[in-house]
Protein backbone atom coordinates (compact mmCIF):
# COMPACT_ATOMS: atom_id res chain seq x y z
CA MET A 1 -20.50 28.13 21.85
CA ASN A 2 -17.91 29.03 19.23
CA ILE A 3 -15.18 31.28 20.61
CA LYS A 4 -12.88 33.06 18.20
CA LYS A 5 -10.17 35.63 18.43
CA TYR A 6 -9.74 38.53 16.02
CA THR A 7 -6.69 40.72 15.65
CA ALA A 8 -6.58 44.03 13.79
CA SER A 9 -4.74 47.33 13.82
CA THR A 10 -7.62 49.09 15.62
CA GLU A 11 -10.52 48.11 17.86
CA LYS A 12 -13.03 49.23 15.25
CA GLN A 13 -11.48 47.03 12.58
CA ALA A 14 -11.45 44.03 14.91
CA ILE A 15 -15.13 44.42 15.83
CA GLU A 16 -16.04 44.76 12.14
CA GLN A 17 -14.33 41.39 11.59
CA VAL A 18 -16.45 39.90 14.39
CA LYS A 19 -19.68 41.17 12.81
CA LEU A 20 -18.73 39.88 9.36
CA ASP A 21 -17.65 36.45 10.62
CA LEU A 22 -19.96 35.68 13.55
CA GLY A 23 -22.89 37.99 12.85
CA LEU A 24 -24.77 40.48 15.02
CA ASP A 25 -25.55 37.85 17.68
CA ALA A 26 -21.88 37.60 18.64
CA VAL A 27 -20.87 38.55 22.17
CA ILE A 28 -17.63 40.44 22.83
CA LEU A 29 -15.81 38.63 25.68
CA ASN A 30 -12.64 40.68 25.89
CA ILE A 31 -10.77 43.53 24.17
CA LYS A 32 -7.11 44.17 24.78
CA LYS A 33 -4.17 45.90 23.17
CA ILE A 34 -1.30 43.59 22.26
CA GLU A 35 2.19 44.94 22.76
CA PRO A 36 4.73 42.49 21.29
CA LYS A 37 7.26 41.13 23.76
CA GLY A 38 10.10 38.68 23.76
CA PHE A 39 11.13 37.42 20.35
CA LYS A 40 7.80 38.52 18.83
CA ARG A 41 8.80 42.16 18.95
CA PHE A 42 11.03 41.60 15.93
CA PHE A 43 8.22 40.64 13.60
CA VAL A 44 4.85 41.56 15.15
CA LYS A 45 3.45 45.10 15.37
CA SER A 46 1.17 46.43 18.06
CA SER A 47 -2.44 45.40 17.54
CA VAL A 48 -5.86 45.07 19.15
CA GLU A 49 -7.22 41.64 20.04
CA VAL A 50 -10.94 40.96 20.42
CA LEU A 51 -12.28 37.74 21.87
CA ALA A 52 -15.85 37.01 20.71
CA ALA A 53 -18.32 34.15 20.93
CA VAL A 54 -21.53 32.97 19.33
CA GLU A 55 -23.75 29.95 19.96
CA GLU A 56 -23.56 27.21 17.32
CA GLN A 57 -24.04 23.50 16.91
CA ASP A 58 -21.21 21.26 18.13
CA LYS A 59 -18.75 20.08 15.53
CA ASN A 60 -17.17 16.69 16.21
CA THR A 61 -13.59 17.49 15.22
CA ASP A 62 -10.37 17.62 17.20
CA ASP A 63 -9.81 21.34 16.79
CA ASN A 64 -13.37 22.63 17.35
CA ILE A 65 -13.97 21.86 21.00
CA PRO A 66 -15.77 24.80 22.66
CA MET A 67 -13.85 26.51 25.42
CA GLN A 68 -15.57 28.31 28.26
CA SER A 69 -14.59 31.95 28.57
CA GLU A 70 -13.24 31.33 32.07
CA ASN A 71 -10.97 28.56 30.79
CA PHE A 72 -9.85 30.75 27.90
CA THR A 73 -8.99 33.62 30.24
CA ASN A 74 -6.92 31.29 32.39
CA LEU A 75 -5.28 29.91 29.27
CA GLU A 76 -4.30 33.38 28.10
CA LYS A 77 -2.48 33.93 31.39
CA LYS A 78 -0.68 30.64 30.84
CA LEU A 79 0.28 31.69 27.32
CA ASP A 80 2.10 34.75 28.58
CA ARG A 81 3.90 32.63 31.13
CA LEU A 82 4.68 29.98 28.54
CA GLU A 83 6.23 32.56 26.23
CA ASN A 84 8.55 33.75 28.98
CA ILE A 85 9.57 30.19 29.83
CA MET A 86 10.25 29.28 26.24
CA SER A 87 11.79 32.41 24.79
CA GLU A 88 15.18 31.54 26.32
CA LYS A 89 15.19 28.33 24.30
CA LEU A 90 14.38 29.93 20.96
CA ILE A 91 18.01 30.48 19.95
CA GLN A 92 18.76 26.79 20.49
CA VAL A 93 15.73 25.82 18.43
CA GLU A 94 16.74 28.13 15.58
CA LYS A 95 20.23 26.62 15.58
CA SER A 96 18.80 23.12 15.36
CA LEU A 97 16.56 24.20 12.50
CA LYS A 98 19.55 25.57 10.57
CA ASN A 99 22.21 23.01 11.42
CA ASP A 100 20.51 19.66 11.81
CA ASP A 101 17.80 18.98 9.24
CA ASN A 102 17.64 15.32 10.30
CA ASN A 103 16.14 16.33 13.65
CA ILE A 104 13.61 18.83 12.34
CA LYS A 105 10.01 17.81 13.02
CA TYR A 106 8.45 20.94 11.57
CA LYS A 107 10.06 23.93 9.88
CA ASN A 108 8.03 26.26 12.08
CA GLU A 109 9.92 27.78 15.00
CA VAL A 110 6.86 28.19 17.25
CA VAL A 111 5.52 24.67 16.62
CA GLU A 112 9.00 23.24 17.10
CA LEU A 113 9.25 25.14 20.37
CA ILE A 114 5.98 23.67 21.68
CA TYR A 115 7.01 20.20 20.48
CA ASN A 116 10.24 20.39 22.47
CA HIS A 117 8.36 21.63 25.51
CA LEU A 118 5.94 18.68 25.37
CA LYS A 119 8.90 16.31 25.16
CA GLU A 120 10.38 17.91 28.29
CA LYS A 121 7.09 17.09 30.06
CA ASN A 122 7.62 13.40 29.11
CA VAL A 123 5.04 13.34 26.32
CA ASP A 124 5.88 10.44 24.00
CA ASP A 125 7.50 11.49 20.70
CA ASP A 126 4.81 10.05 18.43
CA LEU A 127 2.08 11.59 20.56
CA ALA A 128 3.79 15.00 20.59
CA LEU A 129 4.00 14.86 16.79
CA MET A 130 0.30 13.97 16.59
CA LEU A 131 -0.59 16.97 18.77
CA ILE A 132 1.26 19.42 16.50
CA LYS A 133 0.27 17.77 13.23
CA GLY A 134 -1.05 20.13 10.58
CA ILE A 135 -0.50 23.35 12.55
CA GLU A 136 0.81 26.03 10.22
CA SER A 137 0.33 29.17 12.32
CA ARG A 138 3.38 30.92 13.75
CA ASP A 139 1.32 32.75 16.39
CA MET A 140 2.03 31.36 19.87
CA ASN A 141 -1.55 31.84 21.07
CA ASP A 142 -3.02 30.03 18.05
CA VAL A 143 -0.61 27.10 18.36
CA VAL A 144 -1.10 26.61 22.09
CA THR A 145 -4.88 26.99 21.85
CA THR A 146 -5.09 24.31 19.15
CA ILE A 147 -2.92 21.88 21.11
CA TYR A 148 -4.85 22.68 24.30
CA LYS A 149 -8.10 21.61 22.63
CA ARG A 150 -6.53 18.43 21.27
CA ILE A 151 -5.27 17.46 24.73
CA ILE A 152 -8.72 18.03 26.25
CA LYS A 153 -10.35 15.79 23.65
CA LEU A 154 -7.75 13.07 24.11
CA LEU A 155 -8.02 12.96 27.91
CA ASP A 156 -11.81 12.64 27.81
CA GLU A 157 -14.02 12.73 30.91
CA PRO A 158 -12.80 10.93 34.06
CA GLU A 159 -14.63 7.99 35.61
CA ILE A 160 -14.83 8.03 39.40
CA ILE A 161 -16.49 6.04 42.17
CA LYS A 162 -20.21 6.68 41.94
CA PRO A 163 -22.37 5.13 44.67
CA SER A 164 -25.46 3.29 43.50
CA SER A 165 -28.46 1.55 45.04
CA ASP A 166 -26.45 -1.69 45.24
CA GLN A 167 -23.34 -2.10 47.36
CA LYS A 168 -20.10 -1.36 45.53
CA VAL A 169 -16.90 -3.30 46.12
CA ILE A 170 -13.81 -1.36 45.06
CA ILE A 171 -10.36 -2.97 44.87
CA PHE A 172 -7.15 -0.95 44.70
CA VAL A 173 -4.14 -2.62 43.07
CA GLY A 174 -0.65 -1.52 42.11
CA THR A 175 3.04 -2.03 42.74
CA THR A 176 4.78 -1.45 46.05
CA GLY A 177 5.28 2.13 47.20
CA VAL A 178 2.79 3.88 44.91
CA GLY A 179 0.64 5.11 47.81
CA LYS A 180 -2.37 2.76 47.59
CA THR A 181 -3.19 2.83 51.30
CA THR A 182 -3.01 6.62 51.56
CA THR A 183 -5.08 6.92 48.38
CA ILE A 184 -7.75 4.63 49.83
CA ALA A 185 -7.92 6.82 52.95
CA LYS A 186 -8.40 9.92 50.78
CA VAL A 187 -11.13 8.29 48.70
CA ALA A 188 -12.85 7.00 51.85
CA ALA A 189 -12.79 10.47 53.39
CA GLU A 190 -14.27 12.04 50.25
CA LEU A 191 -17.09 9.48 50.08
CA LEU A 192 -17.77 9.79 53.79
CA ILE A 193 -17.58 13.56 54.21
CA ASN A 194 -18.80 14.88 50.86
CA GLN A 195 -21.22 12.14 49.83
CA ASN A 196 -22.32 10.92 53.28
CA LYS A 197 -21.82 7.24 52.35
CA THR A 198 -21.22 4.37 54.75
CA ILE A 199 -17.82 2.77 54.20
CA GLY A 200 -16.13 -0.50 55.15
CA LEU A 201 -12.36 -0.97 54.83
CA ILE A 202 -10.56 -4.27 54.18
CA THR A 203 -6.85 -4.91 53.76
CA THR A 204 -5.35 -8.04 52.21
CA ASP A 205 -1.83 -6.62 52.49
CA THR A 206 -0.61 -9.00 55.18
CA TYR A 207 2.93 -9.06 53.79
CA ARG A 208 3.74 -5.87 55.66
CA ILE A 209 2.63 -5.27 59.23
CA ALA A 210 3.08 -1.54 58.67
CA ALA A 211 0.50 -1.61 55.88
CA VAL A 212 -2.15 -3.11 58.16
CA GLU A 213 -1.37 -0.63 60.92
CA GLN A 214 -1.46 2.28 58.49
CA LEU A 215 -4.98 1.45 57.32
CA LYS A 216 -6.10 0.87 60.91
CA THR A 217 -4.76 4.31 61.83
CA TYR A 218 -6.75 5.93 59.03
CA SER A 219 -9.85 3.94 60.04
CA LYS A 220 -9.61 5.34 63.57
CA ILE A 221 -9.21 8.89 62.31
CA LEU A 222 -12.22 8.54 59.99
CA ASN A 223 -14.15 6.38 62.45
CA LEU A 224 -14.60 3.60 59.89
CA PRO A 225 -14.61 -0.17 60.50
CA VAL A 226 -11.66 -2.16 59.12
CA GLU A 227 -10.99 -5.87 58.73
CA VAL A 228 -7.90 -7.87 57.77
CA ALA A 229 -8.28 -10.69 55.24
CA TYR A 230 -5.54 -13.34 55.21
CA SER A 231 -7.16 -15.53 52.58
CA SER A 232 -9.79 -15.51 49.85
CA THR A 233 -12.26 -17.00 52.33
CA ASP A 234 -11.51 -14.22 54.82
CA LEU A 235 -12.06 -11.65 52.09
CA ARG A 236 -15.49 -12.97 51.17
CA GLU A 237 -16.49 -13.15 54.84
CA SER A 238 -15.28 -9.59 55.49
CA ILE A 239 -17.35 -8.30 52.57
CA GLN A 240 -20.34 -10.16 54.00
CA HIS A 241 -19.75 -8.50 57.38
CA PHE A 242 -20.04 -5.17 55.59
CA ASN A 243 -23.28 -5.98 53.78
CA ASP A 244 -24.87 -2.93 55.43
CA LYS A 245 -22.28 -0.56 53.95
CA ASP A 246 -22.74 1.46 50.75
CA ILE A 247 -19.17 0.95 49.64
CA VAL A 248 -16.37 -1.49 50.57
CA LEU A 249 -12.82 -0.37 49.79
CA ILE A 250 -10.17 -3.11 49.60
CA ASP A 251 -6.42 -2.54 49.93
CA THR A 252 -4.17 -5.18 48.33
CA ALA A 253 -0.51 -6.02 48.71
CA GLY A 254 1.87 -4.24 46.37
CA ALA A 255 2.50 -6.70 43.56
CA SER A 256 5.33 -6.06 41.13
CA GLN A 257 4.40 -6.70 37.53
CA LYS A 258 7.59 -8.78 37.33
CA ASN A 259 6.99 -10.87 40.48
CA GLU A 260 4.91 -13.84 39.34
CA ASP A 261 4.15 -15.18 42.83
CA GLN A 262 2.91 -11.85 44.20
CA PHE A 263 0.89 -11.12 41.10
CA ASN A 264 -0.69 -14.59 41.09
CA ASP A 265 -1.70 -14.12 44.73
CA THR A 266 -3.50 -10.90 43.74
CA ILE A 267 -5.19 -12.68 40.84
CA LYS A 268 -6.46 -15.49 43.08
CA MET A 269 -7.76 -13.02 45.65
CA ILE A 270 -9.64 -10.91 43.13
CA ASN A 271 -10.99 -13.86 41.14
CA THR A 272 -12.90 -15.06 44.19
CA LEU A 273 -15.18 -12.02 43.89
CA SER A 274 -18.04 -11.82 41.42
CA GLU A 275 -18.68 -8.09 41.08
CA MET A 276 -16.17 -5.35 41.82
CA GLU A 277 -14.45 -2.31 40.32
CA ILE A 278 -10.67 -2.27 40.03
CA TYR A 279 -8.57 0.89 40.35
CA LEU A 280 -4.90 0.67 39.40
CA VAL A 281 -2.71 3.16 41.30
CA ILE A 282 0.40 4.29 39.38
CA SER A 283 3.01 6.68 40.70
CA LEU A 284 3.93 9.46 38.29
CA THR A 285 7.52 9.09 39.47
CA THR A 286 7.62 5.70 37.70
CA LYS A 287 9.53 5.52 34.43
CA TYR A 288 7.20 5.51 31.43
CA GLU A 289 8.64 2.21 30.17
CA ASP A 290 7.75 0.62 33.52
CA MET A 291 4.28 2.18 33.44
CA ILE A 292 3.68 0.37 30.15
CA ASP A 293 4.65 -2.96 31.75
CA ILE A 294 2.39 -2.26 34.74
CA VAL A 295 -0.68 -1.31 32.71
CA GLU A 296 -0.27 -4.23 30.33
CA ARG A 297 0.10 -6.69 33.21
CA TYR A 298 -2.80 -5.36 35.24
CA SER A 299 -4.97 -5.18 32.14
CA TYR A 300 -5.48 -8.88 32.86
CA PHE A 301 -8.29 -7.76 35.15
CA GLY A 302 -10.21 -6.13 32.32
CA ASN A 303 -11.91 -2.78 32.76
CA ILE A 304 -9.43 -1.11 35.11
CA LYS A 305 -9.43 2.59 35.94
CA ILE A 306 -6.25 4.55 36.62
CA ILE A 307 -5.37 6.64 39.66
CA PHE A 308 -2.12 8.57 39.27
CA SER A 309 -0.29 9.35 42.50
CA LYS A 310 2.58 11.68 43.50
CA LEU A 311 1.99 14.52 41.04
CA ASP A 312 3.77 16.74 43.58
CA GLU A 313 7.00 14.74 43.19
CA THR A 314 7.56 15.00 39.44
CA ASN A 315 7.34 17.18 36.35
CA GLY A 316 6.64 14.14 34.18
CA ILE A 317 2.92 14.78 33.84
CA GLY A 318 3.11 13.82 30.16
CA SER A 319 2.90 10.16 31.22
CA ILE A 320 -0.80 10.68 31.97
CA LEU A 321 -1.40 11.66 28.36
CA ASN A 322 0.80 8.83 27.08
CA ILE A 323 -1.04 6.11 29.01
CA LYS A 324 -4.46 7.47 28.06
CA SER A 325 -3.52 7.66 24.38
CA LYS A 326 -1.84 4.24 24.24
CA TYR A 327 -4.42 2.16 26.13
CA GLY A 328 -7.63 4.18 26.12
CA VAL A 329 -8.16 3.37 29.81
CA LYS A 330 -10.43 5.49 31.95
CA LEU A 331 -8.66 8.04 34.15
CA SER A 332 -10.02 8.61 37.62
CA TYR A 333 -8.21 10.47 40.40
CA ILE A 334 -4.85 12.11 40.86
CA THR A 335 -3.07 12.64 44.18
CA THR A 336 -0.96 15.69 44.94
CA GLY A 337 0.57 15.04 48.35
CA GLN A 338 0.36 13.05 51.58
CA ASN A 339 -2.38 15.00 53.35
CA VAL A 340 -5.59 13.10 54.05
CA PRO A 341 -8.21 13.91 52.87
CA ASP A 342 -7.10 17.03 50.99
CA ASP A 343 -4.45 15.96 48.48
CA ILE A 344 -6.62 14.15 45.96
CA GLU A 345 -8.72 15.43 43.08
CA VAL A 346 -10.64 14.11 40.12
CA VAL A 347 -8.56 14.16 36.94
CA ASP A 348 -9.27 17.53 35.29
CA PRO A 349 -8.38 17.56 31.57
CA HIS A 350 -8.19 21.39 31.56
CA HIS A 351 -5.77 21.43 34.51
CA ILE A 352 -3.54 18.77 32.95
CA ALA A 353 -3.53 20.60 29.61
CA LYS A 354 -2.39 23.81 31.32
CA LEU A 355 0.37 21.97 33.19
CA LEU A 356 1.57 20.37 29.96
CA LEU A 357 1.61 23.69 28.14
CA GLY A 358 3.67 25.67 30.59
CA GLY A 359 2.02 25.77 34.02
CA ASP A 360 3.89 24.58 37.07
CA PHE A 361 2.33 22.33 39.70
CA GLY A 362 0.03 24.25 41.99
CA ALA A 363 -0.20 27.25 39.65
């Protein structure tokens, strides 16, 4: 479905535009009167806005991704909020445009405003420039809608744990303190409660007694069996003990990308298995430069999938977009707190796009 917005002085004029452009099969989704506010009131007159849609064949371009009417309605609410958030910064942007040509990315106040906002959300500079490339409009709605669609296309569809007829062995890796054990408990609960799958839990994190006890506590709460593997042989035997389970979830010791001994231990443990899926857990509180080191080091294992944790502890959600753009890895889940099993969700490109373009966490 192709959704387009038309603005005219009157409702009648706007609907005539719809008929001329989309034809008689077009459906009117929304009609509203636009009263300029904020800085727009100085150069935009009152108008009528009509949102219309018509079915058409998909076009495989960055800026022509269909948007469901529900998503567009939610986006419009975000646009109003975004304008309020950003209007206070407009004077600073205008000063930079006039006084410092060396720092100007685009001589378009609205595009420059969105660019600066993306940077505040930790979006990498080159990526932010790519997202605003070629946008000439000075209308806030047009600019944000275009960037919204580009973000959706870049994030792509997530890849999550999907049970099959054969047993699945899932290994969770990552550095210390990213929340692997809690994440495993959340995933186990989702598979158990919502998908009615049989689960076996294994921990190889014998460096920390607390880690073993934490997983055992979750296993009691969820009424799931758990085993501790102290060696590669133990790990293989534990998996064999769970041969009647649909899915086996394995917790590993936190291995710093800079600690060769710890990382080599993880490599040896994983290399003893023939078939498994590997999920790399990364905390969003981690500096982006360190995330790069982590992903590059753990890419040793091949087709890893990313789980981002601790969204509730940071505003740096732009790192999700950065990692996806830089490495093309599959995104999976995102955690939003400590509560088991509630605070985990599948990565939603629409939700992330809204957060990047002005929404606060939980909005």
